[in-house]
C-alpha atoms as a PDB file:
ATOM      1  CA  UNK A   1      31.872 -62.766  85.532  1.00  0.00           C
ATOM      2  CA  UNK A   2      33.598 -60.282  87.821  1.00  0.00           C
ATOM      3  CA  UNK A   3      36.592 -58.203  86.726  1.00  0.00           C
ATOM      4  CA  UNK A   4      39.495 -59.557  88.803  1.00  0.00           C
ATOM      5  CA  UNK A   5      42.511 -57.691  90.151  1.00  0.00           C
ATOM      6  CA  UNK A   6      44.713 -59.795  87.882  1.00  0.00           C
ATOM      7  CA  UNK A   7      42.701 -58.727  84.816  1.00  0.00           C
ATOM      8  CA  UNK A   8      42.846 -55.097  85.947  1.00  0.00           C
ATOM      9  CA  UNK A   9      46.627 -55.264  86.325  1.00  0.00           C
ATOM     10  CA  UNK A  10      46.931 -56.888  82.867  1.00  0.00           C
ATOM     11  CA  UNK A  11      44.851 -54.133  81.270  1.00  0.00           C
ATOM     12  CA  UNK A  12      46.861 -51.410  82.992  1.00  0.00           C
ATOM     13  CA  UNK A  13      50.085 -53.077  81.868  1.00  0.00           C
ATOM     14  CA  UNK A  14      48.758 -53.176  78.304  1.00  0.00           C
ATOM     15  CA  UNK A  15      47.861 -49.477  78.476  1.00  0.00           C
ATOM     16  CA  UNK A  16      51.290 -48.624  79.885  1.00  0.00           C
ATOM     17  CA  UNK A  17      52.987 -50.709  77.190  1.00  0.00           C
ATOM     18  CA  UNK A  18      51.198 -48.751  74.465  1.00  0.00           C
ATOM     19  CA  UNK A  19      52.025 -45.435  76.146  1.00  0.00           C
ATOM     20  CA  UNK A  20      55.658 -46.461  76.550  1.00  0.00           C
ATOM     21  CA  UNK A  21      55.935 -47.254  72.835  1.00  0.00           C
ATOM     22  CA  UNK A  22      54.162 -44.016  71.862  1.00  0.00           C
ATOM     23  CA  UNK A  23      56.507 -42.044  74.115  1.00  0.00           C
ATOM     24  CA  UNK A  24      59.496 -43.472  72.245  1.00  0.00           C
ATOM     25  CA  UNK A  25      58.059 -41.935  69.079  1.00  0.00           C
ATOM     26  CA  UNK A  26      56.656 -38.690  70.532  1.00  0.00           C
ATOM     27  CA  UNK A  27      58.822 -36.645  72.921  1.00  0.00           C
ATOM     28  CA  UNK A  28      55.794 -34.839  74.338  1.00  0.00           C
ATOM     29  CA  UNK A  29      54.600 -38.031  76.030  1.00  0.00           C
ATOM     30  CA  UNK A  30      56.634 -38.987  79.129  1.00  0.00           C
ATOM     31  CA  UNK A  31      58.214 -42.435  79.058  1.00  0.00           C
ATOM     32  CA  UNK A  32      56.746 -44.776  81.645  1.00  0.00           C
ATOM     33  CA  UNK A  33      57.748 -48.300  82.554  1.00  0.00           C
ATOM     34  CA  UNK A  34      54.845 -50.784  82.478  1.00  0.00           C
ATOM     35  CA  UNK A  35      54.232 -52.105  85.997  1.00  0.00           C
ATOM     36  CA  UNK A  36      50.475 -52.739  86.148  1.00  0.00           C
ATOM     37  CA  UNK A  37      49.819 -49.902  88.608  1.00  0.00           C
ATOM     38  CA  UNK A  38      47.762 -46.909  87.473  1.00  0.00           C
ATOM     39  CA  UNK A  39      49.672 -44.414  89.595  1.00  0.00           C
ATOM     40  CA  UNK A  40      50.624 -40.787  89.149  1.00  0.00           C
ATOM     41  CA  UNK A  41      53.186 -41.500  86.385  1.00  0.00           C
ATOM     42  CA  UNK A  42      50.569 -43.286  84.306  1.00  0.00           C
ATOM     43  CA  UNK A  43      48.022 -40.520  84.888  1.00  0.00           C
ATOM     44  CA  UNK A  44      50.601 -37.899  83.836  1.00  0.00           C
ATOM     45  CA  UNK A  45      51.383 -39.868  80.656  1.00  0.00           C
ATOM     46  CA  UNK A  46      47.667 -40.247  79.901  1.00  0.00           C
ATOM     47  CA  UNK A  47      47.129 -36.496  80.402  1.00  0.00           C
ATOM     48  CA  UNK A  48      50.031 -35.680  78.105  1.00  0.00           C
ATOM     49  CA  UNK A  49      48.623 -38.068  75.516  1.00  0.00           C
ATOM     50  CA  UNK A  50      45.164 -36.524  75.815  1.00  0.00           C
ATOM     51  CA  UNK A  51      46.553 -32.995  75.357  1.00  0.00           C
ATOM     52  CA  UNK A  52      48.689 -34.074  72.408  1.00  0.00           C
ATOM     53  CA  UNK A  53      45.855 -35.824  70.603  1.00  0.00           C
ATOM     54  CA  UNK A  54      43.010 -33.392  71.311  1.00  0.00           C
ATOM     55  CA  UNK A  55      41.134 -35.339  73.970  1.00  0.00           C
ATOM     56  CA  UNK A  56      39.747 -33.990  77.264  1.00  0.00           C
ATOM     57  CA  UNK A  57      42.660 -33.657  79.707  1.00  0.00           C
ATOM     58  CA  UNK A  58      41.461 -35.891  82.572  1.00  0.00           C
ATOM     59  CA  UNK A  59      44.237 -38.380  83.243  1.00  0.00           C
ATOM     60  CA  UNK A  60      41.602 -41.118  83.150  1.00  0.00           C
ATOM     61  CA  UNK A  61      41.498 -43.716  80.414  1.00  0.00           C
ATOM     62  CA  UNK A  62      37.949 -43.699  79.140  1.00  0.00           C
ATOM     63  CA  UNK A  63      36.800 -45.457  75.964  1.00  0.00           C
ATOM     64  CA  UNK A  64      37.774 -42.590  73.637  1.00  0.00           C
ATOM     65  CA  UNK A  65      41.226 -42.276  75.183  1.00  0.00           C
ATOM     66  CA  UNK A  66      41.786 -46.034  75.035  1.00  0.00           C
ATOM     67  CA  UNK A  67      40.709 -46.207  71.383  1.00  0.00           C
ATOM     68  CA  UNK A  68      42.948 -43.288  70.429  1.00  0.00           C
ATOM     69  CA  UNK A  69      45.950 -44.760  72.280  1.00  0.00           C
ATOM     70  CA  UNK A  70      45.512 -48.083  70.457  1.00  0.00           C
ATOM     71  CA  UNK A  71      45.039 -46.272  67.139  1.00  0.00           C
ATOM     72  CA  UNK A  72      48.171 -44.130  67.544  1.00  0.00           C
ATOM     73  CA  UNK A  73      50.173 -47.167  68.666  1.00  0.00           C
ATOM     74  CA  UNK A  74      49.106 -49.122  65.568  1.00  0.00           C
ATOM     75  CA  UNK A  75      49.865 -46.154  63.289  1.00  0.00           C
ATOM     76  CA  UNK A  76      53.430 -46.115  64.596  1.00  0.00           C
ATOM     77  CA  UNK A  77      53.780 -49.856  64.032  1.00  0.00           C
ATOM     78  CA  UNK A  78      52.635 -49.506  60.412  1.00  0.00           C
ATOM     79  CA  UNK A  79      54.731 -46.411  59.736  1.00  0.00           C
ATOM     80  CA  UNK A  80      57.738 -46.112  57.493  1.00  0.00           C
ATOM     81  CA  UNK A  81      61.028 -47.373  58.920  1.00  0.00           C
ATOM     82  CA  UNK A  82      63.074 -44.759  60.720  1.00  0.00           C
ATOM     83  CA  UNK A  83      66.645 -44.443  59.408  1.00  0.00           C
ATOM     84  CA  UNK A  84      69.136 -45.453  62.062  1.00  0.00           C
ATOM     85  CA  UNK A  85      72.216 -43.296  62.249  1.00  0.00           C
ATOM     86  CA  UNK A  86      75.004 -45.151  63.976  1.00  0.00           C
ATOM     87  CA  UNK A  87      78.129 -43.372  62.725  1.00  0.00           C
ATOM     88  CA  UNK A  88      78.872 -40.694  65.364  1.00  0.00           C
ATOM     89  CA  UNK A  89      80.233 -37.815  63.275  1.00  0.00           C
ATOM     90  CA  UNK A  90      82.140 -36.889  60.145  1.00  0.00           C
ATOM     91  CA  UNK A  91      85.322 -36.608  62.219  1.00  0.00           C
ATOM     92  CA  UNK A  92      85.016 -40.002  63.909  1.00  0.00           C
ATOM     93  CA  UNK A  93      87.359 -42.824  62.876  1.00  0.00           C
ATOM     94  CA  UNK A  94      86.751 -46.455  63.821  1.00  0.00           C
ATOM     95  CA  UNK A  95      89.910 -48.517  64.180  1.00  0.00           C
ATOM     96  CA  UNK A  96      91.448 -51.682  65.626  1.00  0.00           C
ATOM     97  CA  UNK A  97      90.598 -52.160  69.266  1.00  0.00           C
ATOM     98  CA  UNK A  98      87.199 -50.462  69.032  1.00  0.00           C
ATOM     99  CA  UNK A  99      84.121 -52.431  69.979  1.00  0.00           C
ATOM    100  CA  UNK A 100      80.391 -52.069  70.191  1.00  0.00           C
ATOM    101  CA  UNK A 101      77.346 -51.506  68.058  1.00  0.00           C
ATOM    102  CA  UNK A 102      79.090 -49.551  65.309  1.00  0.00           C
ATOM    103  CA  UNK A 103      81.642 -52.334  64.874  1.00  0.00           C
ATOM    104  CA  UNK A 104      78.912 -55.004  64.738  1.00  0.00           C
ATOM    105  CA  UNK A 105      77.189 -53.119  61.935  1.00  0.00           C
ATOM    106  CA  UNK A 106      80.476 -52.470  60.131  1.00  0.00           C
ATOM    107  CA  UNK A 107      81.338 -56.162  60.317  1.00  0.00           C
ATOM    108  CA  UNK A 108      77.854 -57.153  59.187  1.00  0.00           C
ATOM    109  CA  UNK A 109      78.280 -54.977  56.095  1.00  0.00           C
ATOM    110  CA  UNK A 110      81.720 -56.458  55.387  1.00  0.00           C
ATOM    111  CA  UNK A 111      80.295 -59.943  55.952  1.00  0.00           C
ATOM    112  CA  UNK A 112      77.515 -59.247  53.430  1.00  0.00           C
ATOM    113  CA  UNK A 113      80.026 -58.026  50.861  1.00  0.00           C
ATOM    114  CA  UNK A 114      82.224 -61.066  51.570  1.00  0.00           C
ATOM    115  CA  UNK A 115      79.334 -63.448  50.931  1.00  0.00           C
ATOM    116  CA  UNK A 116      78.559 -61.795  47.584  1.00  0.00           C
ATOM    117  CA  UNK A 117      82.098 -61.545  46.177  1.00  0.00           C
ATOM    118  CA  UNK A 118      84.552 -64.440  46.157  1.00  0.00           C
ATOM    119  CA  UNK A 119      87.589 -62.163  46.389  1.00  0.00           C
ATOM    120  CA  UNK A 120      86.283 -60.319  49.460  1.00  0.00           C
ATOM    121  CA  UNK A 121      87.637 -61.580  52.773  1.00  0.00           C
ATOM    122  CA  UNK A 122      85.238 -63.216  55.185  1.00  0.00           C
ATOM    123  CA  UNK A 123      84.688 -61.275  58.390  1.00  0.00           C
ATOM    124  CA  UNK A 124      83.220 -62.688  61.577  1.00  0.00           C
ATOM    125  CA  UNK A 125      80.635 -60.451  63.217  1.00  0.00           C
ATOM    126  CA  UNK A 126      81.933 -60.281  66.783  1.00  0.00           C
ATOM    127  CA  UNK A 127      81.749 -56.583  67.685  1.00  0.00           C
ATOM    128  CA  UNK A 128      85.501 -56.192  68.122  1.00  0.00           C
ATOM    129  CA  UNK A 129      87.507 -54.320  65.492  1.00  0.00           C
ATOM    130  CA  UNK A 130      90.218 -56.942  65.076  1.00  0.00           C
ATOM    131  CA  UNK A 131      92.965 -57.628  62.522  1.00  0.00           C
ATOM    132  CA  UNK A 132      90.565 -59.430  60.158  1.00  0.00           C
ATOM    133  CA  UNK A 133      88.210 -56.450  60.206  1.00  0.00           C
ATOM    134  CA  UNK A 134      91.052 -54.001  59.544  1.00  0.00           C
ATOM    135  CA  UNK A 135      92.280 -56.159  56.641  1.00  0.00           C
ATOM    136  CA  UNK A 136      88.800 -56.383  55.114  1.00  0.00           C
ATOM    137  CA  UNK A 137      88.348 -52.622  55.464  1.00  0.00           C
ATOM    138  CA  UNK A 138      91.720 -51.983  53.824  1.00  0.00           C
ATOM    139  CA  UNK A 139      90.855 -54.275  50.927  1.00  0.00           C
ATOM    140  CA  UNK A 140      87.441 -52.632  50.502  1.00  0.00           C
ATOM    141  CA  UNK A 141      89.081 -49.181  50.512  1.00  0.00           C
ATOM    142  CA  UNK A 142      91.492 -50.315  47.820  1.00  0.00           C
ATOM    143  CA  UNK A 143      88.556 -51.489  45.628  1.00  0.00           C
ATOM    144  CA  UNK A 144      86.888 -48.091  46.082  1.00  0.00           C
ATOM    145  CA  UNK A 145      90.017 -46.113  45.217  1.00  0.00           C
ATOM    146  CA  UNK A 146      90.274 -44.463  48.613  1.00  0.00           C
ATOM    147  CA  UNK A 147      93.322 -44.495  50.896  1.00  0.00           C
ATOM    148  CA  UNK A 148      93.485 -47.954  52.435  1.00  0.00           C
ATOM    149  CA  UNK A 149      94.247 -47.355  56.080  1.00  0.00           C
ATOM    150  CA  UNK A 150      92.157 -50.192  57.480  1.00  0.00           C
ATOM    151  CA  UNK A 151      90.294 -47.572  59.513  1.00  0.00           C
ATOM    152  CA  UNK A 152      86.721 -46.469  58.870  1.00  0.00           C
ATOM    153  CA  UNK A 153      86.105 -42.757  58.484  1.00  0.00           C
ATOM    154  CA  UNK A 154      82.858 -41.267  57.207  1.00  0.00           C
ATOM    155  CA  UNK A 155      83.930 -41.670  53.563  1.00  0.00           C
ATOM    156  CA  UNK A 156      84.642 -45.379  53.970  1.00  0.00           C
ATOM    157  CA  UNK A 157      81.440 -45.781  55.985  1.00  0.00           C
ATOM    158  CA  UNK A 158      79.396 -44.126  53.236  1.00  0.00           C
ATOM    159  CA  UNK A 159      80.959 -46.366  50.578  1.00  0.00           C
ATOM    160  CA  UNK A 160      80.177 -49.457  52.691  1.00  0.00           C
ATOM    161  CA  UNK A 161      76.567 -48.369  53.186  1.00  0.00           C
ATOM    162  CA  UNK A 162      76.098 -47.694  49.465  1.00  0.00           C
ATOM    163  CA  UNK A 163      77.724 -51.006  48.574  1.00  0.00           C
ATOM    164  CA  UNK A 164      75.330 -52.891  50.824  1.00  0.00           C
ATOM    165  CA  UNK A 165      72.362 -50.921  49.498  1.00  0.00           C
ATOM    166  CA  UNK A 166      73.482 -51.843  45.986  1.00  0.00           C
ATOM    167  CA  UNK A 167      73.758 -55.515  46.917  1.00  0.00           C
ATOM    168  CA  UNK A 168      70.255 -55.419  48.383  1.00  0.00           C
ATOM    169  CA  UNK A 169      68.865 -54.030  45.133  1.00  0.00           C
ATOM    170  CA  UNK A 170      70.379 -56.775  42.966  1.00  0.00           C
END
């Protein structure tokens, strides 16, 4: 059976997908967007990969290069989880009116604590630092013996993280 253009494009897209993922983990590999076209960007990424992993620097994907790309990709998938740092800095303070990823995570932690303890207020995870979030933060701060401002500084954040880690270990 002949190798069709559709199959070729699928294989190139697969290669580019692996390279894209590897590039997210290794800054020496340029990030490419999978598009099914083996153009100059793909060749540059393949060359960078070959240099990084001790293969002949050709820009072509031969059997050895393909096998190594798949192997490296799978190693990253099986690797240890990467800690995700979401709190911007020790000087940052999250407060009413804020929104976004940090607030979602903050609310998720408060929600987890609220599910575990009957006297902890329930917090909806909506991504907006609202009155309910500020009240739950203030109550949590009171339980931890830290000033209860209803705002989250790095100290409050660290206490929340440790509390959730503790709950996960129970």
